[in-house]
Amino acid sequence: MKILQINSHYNQGGAARIVACIHRQLLEDGEESYVAYGRGTGDEEKNVVCIDKKYEVYLSALLCRITGLNGWWNKKAAKRLIALMDEIQPDIVHIHTLHGYYMNFRMLMKYLDEHQIPCVWTFHDCHAFTGNCGYYFACRKWENGCGSCPDKKRYPKSQFFDFSRYMWKKKKEWFTKGDRKIIVTPSDWLTEETKKSFFGKYPCVTIRNGIDAEHTFYPRDKAECRKKYGFTMQDKLVLGMAAGFSDERKGAKFLIGSAKAMENEAKFILVGWEEKNNSLLEGISNVITVPNTKDTDALAEYYSLADVFVIPSLAENYATVTLESMACGTPVVGFDAGGIPEQLTENKGIVVKTADQGALTEAVRKALTSESGLLCGDELAEKIRQNNSIKQMTETYKEIYRELLREKSEVFI
């Protein structure tokens, strides 16, 4: 099979690492795999192509913020992608994240429809079926048409105009043409939400995200990791990690609130911290900040040295960081948002009511005690190896690809 994946980034961030894992596994399995991505680095790998220019991304972001029209620009990038598809003639196009200021939605969908290319589309968030937002919190307007968006200042934000109803209509028009399409989400929560959207006409299935729990995210020696980063075995260590703590959705204020409440009980390590947010930490002495890093070995060491990982997201799908932490033997505390509860079953973590600061702090305290009853170390890591391997995930996707190709063959018989 010849598969082309499309995403905003490659190997940078949760969804982008999933794309990279699928690509590498497909190549290892002898398939002809390609990736086209919009932003960042990654094109030094085999069959991985960046289709956008940095200035084009910035221009698209500016135009989106002025007009509120997302996915409307980037015609040059779309033409490069179309030229790539003309060249490689993919059997399957596997779309991941389309937003990110890198793609013209209409041009891509028109090409796929006209060339009758079967499409798998993995939703890593909700952006495909809303008028604007990636996550909608309590808003349900997307079920019938959006408009008067309460979150137009959230990413991908619009400074002036609210075109959420218009964008919802255009997305419905562009995205629901053609029949050979299967929607995939990593969580049962998002699968059920998708069925309520205008994508309800298509098959929608859940495929759990997989990670490299054999060679990258596995339990490292806790004592050695702590010594390397300046901690002792007596320290109680709480880890938080995000590519952008400044995003309100990531719930950094709740993690910081717990740190403040536990100032004499534990040290909090925040990986992915940006200096522009330092004012949030004024007067708090037990927080250690670490800049964002692409070094997966370093990430695995931080996961391994921690006693507990906290994901305070107010809205989430099926977080890769949660899997990575558990694969390194560290249990997780999180809010009951989106797909997080699905990840923390079987004593792998503690789930509390979303945005309940007191409950979150008490759950962290409990997780730090020997009486918590939570799995940890190799026992916890084995759960992830059994249920969330890259091989399992990719093989399930290959079954979906084959199903679409069988349907295409039947059409032409």
Protein backbone atom coordinates (compact mmCIF):
# COMPACT_ATOMS: atom_id res chain seq x y z
CA MET A 1 0.00 0.00 0.00
CA LYS A 2 1.01 3.57 -0.67
CA ILE A 3 -0.06 5.81 2.24
CA LEU A 4 0.30 9.57 2.59
CA GLN A 5 -0.23 11.13 6.02
CA ILE A 6 -0.94 14.85 6.37
CA ASN A 7 -0.39 16.81 9.59
CA SER A 8 0.54 20.27 10.84
CA HIS A 9 3.85 19.07 12.36
CA TYR A 10 6.11 16.03 12.30
CA ASN A 11 7.35 14.41 15.53
CA GLN A 12 6.77 17.60 17.56
CA GLY A 13 3.90 17.32 20.03
CA GLY A 14 1.46 14.50 20.76
CA ALA A 15 -0.37 14.13 17.44
CA ALA A 16 2.83 14.72 15.47
CA ARG A 17 4.62 11.93 17.36
CA ILE A 18 1.71 9.61 16.52
CA VAL A 19 2.18 10.48 12.82
CA ALA A 20 5.91 9.74 13.07
CA CYS A 21 5.29 6.42 14.84
CA ILE A 22 2.80 5.26 12.19
CA HIS A 23 5.12 6.35 9.36
CA ARG A 24 8.15 4.53 10.75
CA GLN A 25 6.17 1.39 11.50
CA LEU A 26 4.65 1.35 8.00
CA LEU A 27 8.11 1.62 6.46
CA GLU A 28 9.36 -1.16 8.73
CA ASP A 29 6.40 -3.30 7.62
CA GLY A 30 7.40 -2.82 3.98
CA GLU A 31 4.64 -0.37 3.05
CA GLU A 32 5.29 2.73 0.93
CA SER A 33 4.70 5.51 3.43
CA TYR A 34 4.92 9.30 3.04
CA VAL A 35 4.26 12.27 5.32
CA ALA A 36 3.44 15.85 4.29
CA TYR A 37 3.53 18.37 7.12
CA GLY A 38 3.17 22.12 7.41
CA ARG A 39 5.45 23.49 10.09
CA GLY A 40 8.67 22.86 12.01
CA THR A 41 11.38 20.29 11.32
CA GLY A 42 11.34 16.66 10.26
CA ASP A 43 12.02 16.49 6.54
CA GLU A 44 15.43 14.90 7.10
CA GLU A 45 13.63 11.56 7.50
CA LYS A 46 12.81 9.29 4.59
CA ASN A 47 9.69 10.28 2.60
CA VAL A 48 8.87 13.19 4.94
CA VAL A 49 8.17 16.51 3.19
CA CYS A 50 7.49 20.01 4.53
CA ILE A 51 4.94 21.66 2.23
CA ASP A 52 4.77 25.16 3.73
CA LYS A 53 7.12 28.09 4.14
CA LYS A 54 7.54 29.81 7.50
CA TYR A 55 6.48 33.21 6.18
CA GLU A 56 3.37 31.67 4.61
CA VAL A 57 2.37 30.17 7.96
CA TYR A 58 2.85 33.53 9.70
CA LEU A 59 0.86 35.32 7.00
CA SER A 60 -1.94 32.77 7.25
CA ALA A 61 -2.03 33.15 11.05
CA LEU A 62 -2.23 36.93 10.69
CA LEU A 63 -5.04 36.75 8.14
CA CYS A 64 -6.92 34.25 10.28
CA ARG A 65 -6.68 36.49 13.34
CA ILE A 66 -7.88 39.50 11.38
CA THR A 67 -10.71 37.83 9.46
CA GLY A 68 -11.65 34.79 11.55
CA LEU A 69 -11.40 32.59 8.44
CA ASN A 70 -9.32 29.53 9.24
CA GLY A 71 -8.09 27.15 6.53
CA TRP A 72 -8.93 29.75 3.91
CA TRP A 73 -5.41 30.74 2.91
CA ASN A 74 -2.19 28.76 2.18
CA LYS A 75 -2.97 28.17 -1.49
CA LYS A 76 0.72 27.75 -2.32
CA ALA A 77 1.09 25.01 0.28
CA ALA A 78 -2.02 23.27 -1.04
CA LYS A 79 -0.58 23.39 -4.56
CA ARG A 80 2.68 21.83 -3.32
CA LEU A 81 0.71 19.09 -1.59
CA ILE A 82 -1.35 18.46 -4.72
CA ALA A 83 1.85 18.24 -6.79
CA LEU A 84 3.21 15.72 -4.28
CA MET A 85 0.03 13.63 -4.51
CA ASP A 86 0.18 13.77 -8.31
CA GLU A 87 3.74 12.47 -8.08
CA ILE A 88 3.33 9.63 -5.59
CA GLN A 89 -0.30 8.64 -6.43
CA PRO A 90 -1.26 7.48 -2.90
CA ASP A 91 -3.71 4.62 -2.41
CA ILE A 92 -4.81 6.16 0.90
CA VAL A 93 -4.60 9.68 2.29
CA HIS A 94 -4.54 9.72 6.08
CA ILE A 95 -5.35 13.18 7.45
CA HIS A 96 -4.53 14.12 11.03
CA THR A 97 -4.59 17.77 12.17
CA LEU A 98 -5.57 20.20 9.40
CA HIS A 99 -5.57 23.39 11.45
CA GLY A 100 -2.32 25.15 12.28
CA TYR A 101 -2.25 27.84 9.59
CA TYR A 102 -0.68 25.60 6.95
CA MET A 103 -3.42 24.26 4.67
CA ASN A 104 -6.22 25.42 2.38
CA PHE A 105 -9.11 23.16 3.37
CA ARG A 106 -11.20 23.58 0.22
CA MET A 107 -8.38 22.85 -2.23
CA LEU A 108 -7.31 19.68 -0.42
CA MET A 109 -10.82 18.27 -0.13
CA LYS A 110 -11.68 19.15 -3.72
CA TYR A 111 -8.63 17.23 -4.95
CA LEU A 112 -9.38 14.14 -2.83
CA ASP A 113 -12.99 14.13 -4.01
CA GLU A 114 -12.22 14.64 -7.70
CA HIS A 115 -9.56 11.91 -7.66
CA GLN A 116 -11.70 9.57 -5.54
CA ILE A 117 -8.87 8.91 -3.09
CA PRO A 118 -10.01 6.96 0.00
CA CYS A 119 -9.44 8.96 3.16
CA VAL A 120 -8.82 8.09 6.80
CA TRP A 121 -9.13 11.09 9.07
CA THR A 122 -7.91 10.90 12.66
CA PHE A 123 -9.41 13.56 14.93
CA HIS A 124 -6.90 14.56 17.61
CA ASP A 125 -9.30 17.31 18.72
CA CYS A 126 -12.69 18.71 17.73
CA HIS A 127 -11.69 21.39 15.23
CA ALA A 128 -12.92 19.54 12.12
CA PHE A 129 -16.58 19.78 13.12
CA THR A 130 -16.75 23.13 14.93
CA GLY A 131 -16.92 26.59 13.44
CA ASN A 132 -13.68 27.61 15.08
CA CYS A 133 -12.39 25.94 18.22
CA GLY A 134 -10.35 22.83 18.85
CA TYR A 135 -12.17 22.20 22.14
CA TYR A 136 -15.53 23.69 23.02
CA PHE A 137 -15.76 23.18 26.79
CA ALA A 138 -19.50 23.43 27.63
CA CYS A 139 -20.67 24.88 24.30
CA ARG A 140 -22.83 22.61 22.11
CA LYS A 141 -23.55 25.00 19.22
CA TRP A 142 -21.44 22.86 16.87
CA GLU A 143 -24.20 20.24 16.81
CA ASN A 144 -26.43 22.58 14.79
CA GLY A 145 -24.34 25.35 13.30
CA CYS A 146 -22.19 27.48 15.66
CA GLY A 147 -22.41 31.28 15.63
CA SER A 148 -21.90 33.96 18.31
CA CYS A 149 -18.84 31.97 19.36
CA PRO A 150 -18.06 32.28 23.08
CA ASP A 151 -14.46 31.23 22.44
CA LYS A 152 -13.45 33.21 19.35
CA LYS A 153 -10.44 34.60 21.23
CA ARG A 154 -9.11 31.08 21.82
CA TYR A 155 -6.88 29.35 19.27
CA PRO A 156 -7.30 29.69 16.33
CA LYS A 157 -8.42 33.07 17.54
CA SER A 158 -10.10 35.90 15.69
CA GLN A 159 -9.45 39.39 16.98
CA PHE A 160 -12.34 41.12 15.25
CA PHE A 161 -14.92 39.05 13.39
CA ASP A 162 -17.04 36.04 14.30
CA PHE A 163 -17.34 33.86 11.21
CA SER A 164 -17.87 30.66 13.21
CA ARG A 165 -21.30 29.95 11.70
CA TYR A 166 -20.03 30.58 8.17
CA MET A 167 -16.94 28.40 8.78
CA TRP A 168 -19.12 25.63 10.20
CA LYS A 169 -21.22 25.67 7.01
CA LYS A 170 -18.15 25.68 4.76
CA LYS A 171 -16.52 22.84 6.69
CA LYS A 172 -19.69 20.79 6.39
CA GLU A 173 -19.74 21.49 2.66
CA TRP A 174 -16.04 20.72 2.09
CA PHE A 175 -15.51 17.85 4.53
CA THR A 176 -18.59 15.72 3.87
CA LYS A 177 -18.26 15.22 0.12
CA GLY A 178 -17.40 11.72 -1.03
CA ASP A 179 -18.26 8.38 0.53
CA ARG A 180 -14.92 6.61 0.95
CA LYS A 181 -13.99 8.12 4.26
CA ILE A 182 -13.52 6.65 7.74
CA ILE A 183 -13.18 8.82 10.84
CA VAL A 184 -10.91 7.64 13.65
CA THR A 185 -10.50 9.08 17.13
CA PRO A 186 -8.23 7.90 19.96
CA SER A 187 -10.97 8.05 22.62
CA ASP A 188 -14.50 6.72 22.99
CA TRP A 189 -15.48 10.19 24.22
CA LEU A 190 -14.52 11.88 20.94
CA THR A 191 -15.96 9.03 18.88
CA GLU A 192 -19.36 9.62 20.46
CA GLU A 193 -19.09 13.40 20.02
CA THR A 194 -18.13 12.96 16.36
CA LYS A 195 -21.23 10.84 15.73
CA LYS A 196 -23.34 13.83 16.85
CA SER A 197 -21.65 16.13 14.34
CA PHE A 198 -22.05 16.47 10.56
CA PHE A 199 -19.52 13.62 10.26
CA GLY A 200 -22.20 11.27 11.61
CA LYS A 201 -22.83 9.94 8.07
CA TYR A 202 -19.39 8.28 8.08
CA PRO A 203 -18.14 5.25 9.99
CA CYS A 204 -16.35 6.43 13.13
CA VAL A 205 -14.14 4.12 15.18
CA THR A 206 -11.79 4.36 18.14
CA ILE A 207 -8.13 3.45 17.74
CA ARG A 208 -6.06 4.05 20.86
CA ASN A 209 -2.88 6.03 20.44
CA GLY A 210 0.29 3.99 20.58
CA ILE A 211 3.74 5.00 21.79
CA ASP A 212 7.23 3.52 21.71
CA ALA A 213 7.15 1.84 25.11
CA GLU A 214 9.99 -0.53 24.19
CA HIS A 215 12.87 1.70 23.13
CA THR A 216 11.97 5.25 24.20
CA PHE A 217 9.37 5.52 26.95
CA TYR A 218 10.22 2.83 29.48
CA PRO A 219 11.13 2.97 33.20
CA ARG A 220 14.62 4.40 33.67
CA ASP A 221 16.60 3.99 36.90
CA LYS A 222 14.88 6.42 39.27
CA ALA A 223 17.94 7.00 41.48
CA GLU A 224 20.21 7.70 38.51
CA CYS A 225 17.69 10.08 36.92
CA ARG A 226 17.23 11.98 40.16
CA LYS A 227 20.96 12.29 40.69
CA LYS A 228 21.42 13.52 37.10
CA TYR A 229 18.89 16.34 37.55
CA GLY A 230 19.83 17.29 41.12
CA PHE A 231 17.15 15.54 43.17
CA THR A 232 17.41 13.04 46.01
CA MET A 233 15.47 9.84 46.64
CA GLN A 234 13.87 11.57 49.64
CA ASP A 235 12.29 14.28 47.47
CA LYS A 236 8.59 14.02 46.66
CA LEU A 237 8.43 14.96 42.97
CA VAL A 238 5.34 15.97 41.00
CA LEU A 239 5.70 16.37 37.23
CA GLY A 240 3.69 18.46 34.80
CA MET A 241 4.39 18.69 31.07
CA ALA A 242 2.89 20.67 28.19
CA ALA A 243 4.04 22.21 24.93
CA GLY A 244 2.27 25.43 25.91
CA PHE A 245 1.39 26.10 29.55
CA SER A 246 0.11 29.52 28.47
CA ASP A 247 -2.88 27.81 26.83
CA GLU A 248 -5.71 28.14 29.35
CA ARG A 249 -7.01 24.73 28.28
CA LYS A 250 -3.90 23.06 29.69
CA GLY A 251 -4.93 24.11 33.21
CA ALA A 252 -1.52 25.32 34.39
CA LYS A 253 -3.13 27.47 37.08
CA PHE A 254 -4.48 24.35 38.80
CA LEU A 255 -1.07 22.67 38.80
CA ILE A 256 0.45 25.86 40.21
CA GLY A 257 -2.37 26.03 42.76
CA SER A 258 -1.49 22.55 43.98
CA ALA A 259 2.19 23.48 44.13
CA LYS A 260 1.37 26.49 46.27
CA ALA A 261 -0.83 24.43 48.59
CA MET A 262 1.92 21.78 48.93
CA GLU A 263 4.88 24.13 49.26
CA ASN A 264 6.37 22.20 52.18
CA GLU A 265 5.35 18.75 50.94
CA ALA A 266 6.66 18.28 47.39
CA LYS A 267 8.62 19.78 44.53
CA PHE A 268 6.81 20.44 41.26
CA ILE A 269 8.69 20.12 37.95
CA LEU A 270 7.10 21.84 34.95
CA VAL A 271 8.58 20.71 31.61
CA GLY A 272 7.75 22.88 28.61
CA TRP A 273 7.64 26.09 30.63
CA GLU A 274 7.97 29.45 28.88
CA GLU A 275 9.69 32.36 30.61
CA LYS A 276 6.87 34.71 29.62
CA ASN A 277 4.74 32.93 32.24
CA ASN A 278 7.17 33.44 35.14
CA SER A 279 4.88 35.98 36.80
CA LEU A 280 2.52 33.09 37.60
CA LEU A 281 5.18 31.60 39.88
CA GLU A 282 5.95 34.67 41.97
CA GLY A 283 6.20 33.79 45.65
CA ILE A 284 6.23 30.02 45.02
CA SER A 285 9.51 28.35 45.98
CA ASN A 286 8.88 24.67 45.22
CA VAL A 287 8.49 24.86 41.42
CA ILE A 288 11.33 23.94 39.05
CA THR A 289 10.80 24.97 35.42
CA VAL A 290 12.33 23.25 32.40
CA PRO A 291 12.14 24.64 28.83
CA ASN A 292 10.46 22.63 26.11
CA THR A 293 12.66 19.88 24.69
CA LYS A 294 12.48 17.51 21.72
CA ASP A 295 14.88 15.09 23.44
CA THR A 296 12.69 12.04 24.08
CA ASP A 297 15.33 10.42 26.29
CA ALA A 298 15.29 13.50 28.53
CA LEU A 299 11.49 13.39 28.62
CA ALA A 300 11.57 9.72 29.61
CA GLU A 301 14.05 10.52 32.39
CA TYR A 302 11.77 13.23 33.79
CA TYR A 303 8.80 10.87 33.67
CA SER A 304 10.86 8.19 35.43
CA LEU A 305 12.20 10.36 38.25
CA ALA A 306 8.74 11.66 39.22
CA ASP A 307 6.47 10.10 41.84
CA VAL A 308 3.33 11.26 40.05
CA PHE A 309 2.45 13.01 36.79
CA VAL A 310 -0.37 15.57 36.74
CA ILE A 311 -2.43 16.44 33.65
CA PRO A 312 -4.74 19.32 34.68
CA SER A 313 -6.23 19.89 31.21
CA LEU A 314 -9.75 21.31 31.21
CA ALA A 315 -10.42 19.70 27.81
CA GLU A 316 -8.46 16.81 26.35
CA ASN A 317 -8.76 13.90 23.94
CA TYR A 318 -6.43 10.95 24.63
CA ALA A 319 -3.25 12.59 25.84
CA THR A 320 0.03 11.14 24.63
CA VAL A 321 1.87 12.55 27.66
CA THR A 322 -0.35 10.46 29.93
CA LEU A 323 0.63 7.29 28.07
CA GLU A 324 4.30 8.28 28.10
CA SER A 325 4.30 8.84 31.85
CA MET A 326 2.65 5.50 32.58
CA ALA A 327 4.99 3.73 30.15
CA CYS A 328 7.84 5.09 32.27
CA GLY A 329 6.20 3.66 35.39
CA THR A 330 4.73 6.86 36.83
CA PRO A 331 1.01 7.02 37.72
CA VAL A 332 -1.15 9.99 36.74
CA VAL A 333 -3.61 12.39 38.36
CA GLY A 334 -6.00 14.27 36.09
CA PHE A 335 -9.40 15.86 35.64
CA ASP A 336 -12.37 13.93 34.25
CA ALA A 337 -12.14 15.83 30.97
CA GLY A 338 -12.63 14.21 27.56
CA GLY A 339 -10.77 10.93 27.19
CA ILE A 340 -8.59 11.21 30.31
CA PRO A 341 -10.78 8.89 32.45
CA GLU A 342 -10.45 6.19 29.75
CA GLN A 343 -6.68 6.29 30.22
CA LEU A 344 -6.65 6.06 34.01
CA THR A 345 -8.59 2.84 34.60
CA GLU A 346 -7.31 -0.21 36.50
CA ASN A 347 -5.45 1.78 39.19
CA LYS A 348 -3.25 3.56 36.66
CA GLY A 349 -4.21 6.94 38.11
CA ILE A 350 -6.71 9.12 39.93
CA VAL A 351 -9.47 11.12 38.23
CA VAL A 352 -11.15 14.10 39.91
CA LYS A 353 -13.85 16.58 38.93
CA THR A 354 -12.69 19.05 36.29
CA ALA A 355 -11.46 22.41 37.65
CA ASP A 356 -11.81 21.30 41.30
CA GLN A 357 -8.60 22.70 42.79
CA GLY A 358 -9.07 21.14 46.20
CA ALA A 359 -9.82 17.70 44.80
CA LEU A 360 -6.79 17.86 42.51
CA THR A 361 -4.46 18.78 45.37
CA GLU A 362 -5.81 16.02 47.60
CA ALA A 363 -5.44 13.49 44.76
CA VAL A 364 -1.80 14.51 44.30
CA ARG A 365 -1.23 14.11 48.04
CA LYS A 366 -2.83 10.67 47.95
CA ALA A 367 -0.76 9.59 44.95
CA LEU A 368 2.42 10.48 46.84
CA THR A 369 1.61 8.04 49.65
CA SER A 370 2.33 4.32 49.74
CA GLU A 371 -1.36 3.73 50.54
CA SER A 372 -2.58 5.11 47.21
CA GLY A 373 -2.97 1.65 45.69
CA LEU A 374 -1.79 2.94 42.32
CA LEU A 375 0.25 0.83 39.95
CA CYS A 376 3.78 2.05 39.33
CA GLY A 377 7.13 0.96 37.91
CA ASP A 378 7.33 -2.08 35.65
CA GLU A 379 3.82 -3.26 36.56
CA LEU A 380 2.30 -0.02 35.26
CA ALA A 381 4.61 0.13 32.24
CA GLU A 382 3.58 -3.39 31.22
CA LYS A 383 -0.07 -2.27 30.99
CA ILE A 384 0.92 0.31 28.39
CA ARG A 385 3.12 -2.11 26.46
CA GLN A 386 0.20 -4.52 26.25
CA ASN A 387 -2.49 -2.02 25.23
CA ASN A 388 -0.82 0.97 23.57
CA SER A 389 2.00 -0.28 21.37
CA ILE A 390 2.89 1.34 18.05
CA LYS A 391 2.64 -2.06 16.37
CA GLN A 392 -0.93 -2.58 17.59
CA MET A 393 -2.01 0.92 16.60
CA THR A 394 -0.46 0.74 13.14
CA GLU A 395 -1.83 -2.72 12.42
CA THR A 396 -5.33 -1.50 13.26
CA TYR A 397 -4.89 1.45 10.91
CA LYS A 398 -3.69 -0.93 8.19
CA GLU A 399 -6.91 -2.90 8.58
CA ILE A 400 -8.85 0.34 8.04
CA TYR A 401 -6.74 1.14 4.96
CA ARG A 402 -7.42 -2.32 3.50
CA GLU A 403 -11.14 -1.96 4.16
CA LEU A 404 -11.26 1.32 2.24
CA LEU A 405 -9.27 -0.15 -0.64
CA ARG A 406 -11.62 -3.13 -0.83
CA GLU A 407 -14.58 -0.74 -1.02
CA LYS A 408 -12.84 1.21 -3.79
CA SER A 409 -12.20 -1.99 -5.76
CA GLU A 410 -15.84 -3.03 -5.44
CA VAL A 411 -16.95 0.32 -6.88
CA PHE A 412 -15.00 -0.33 -10.08
CA ILE A 413 -15.98 -4.00 -10.51
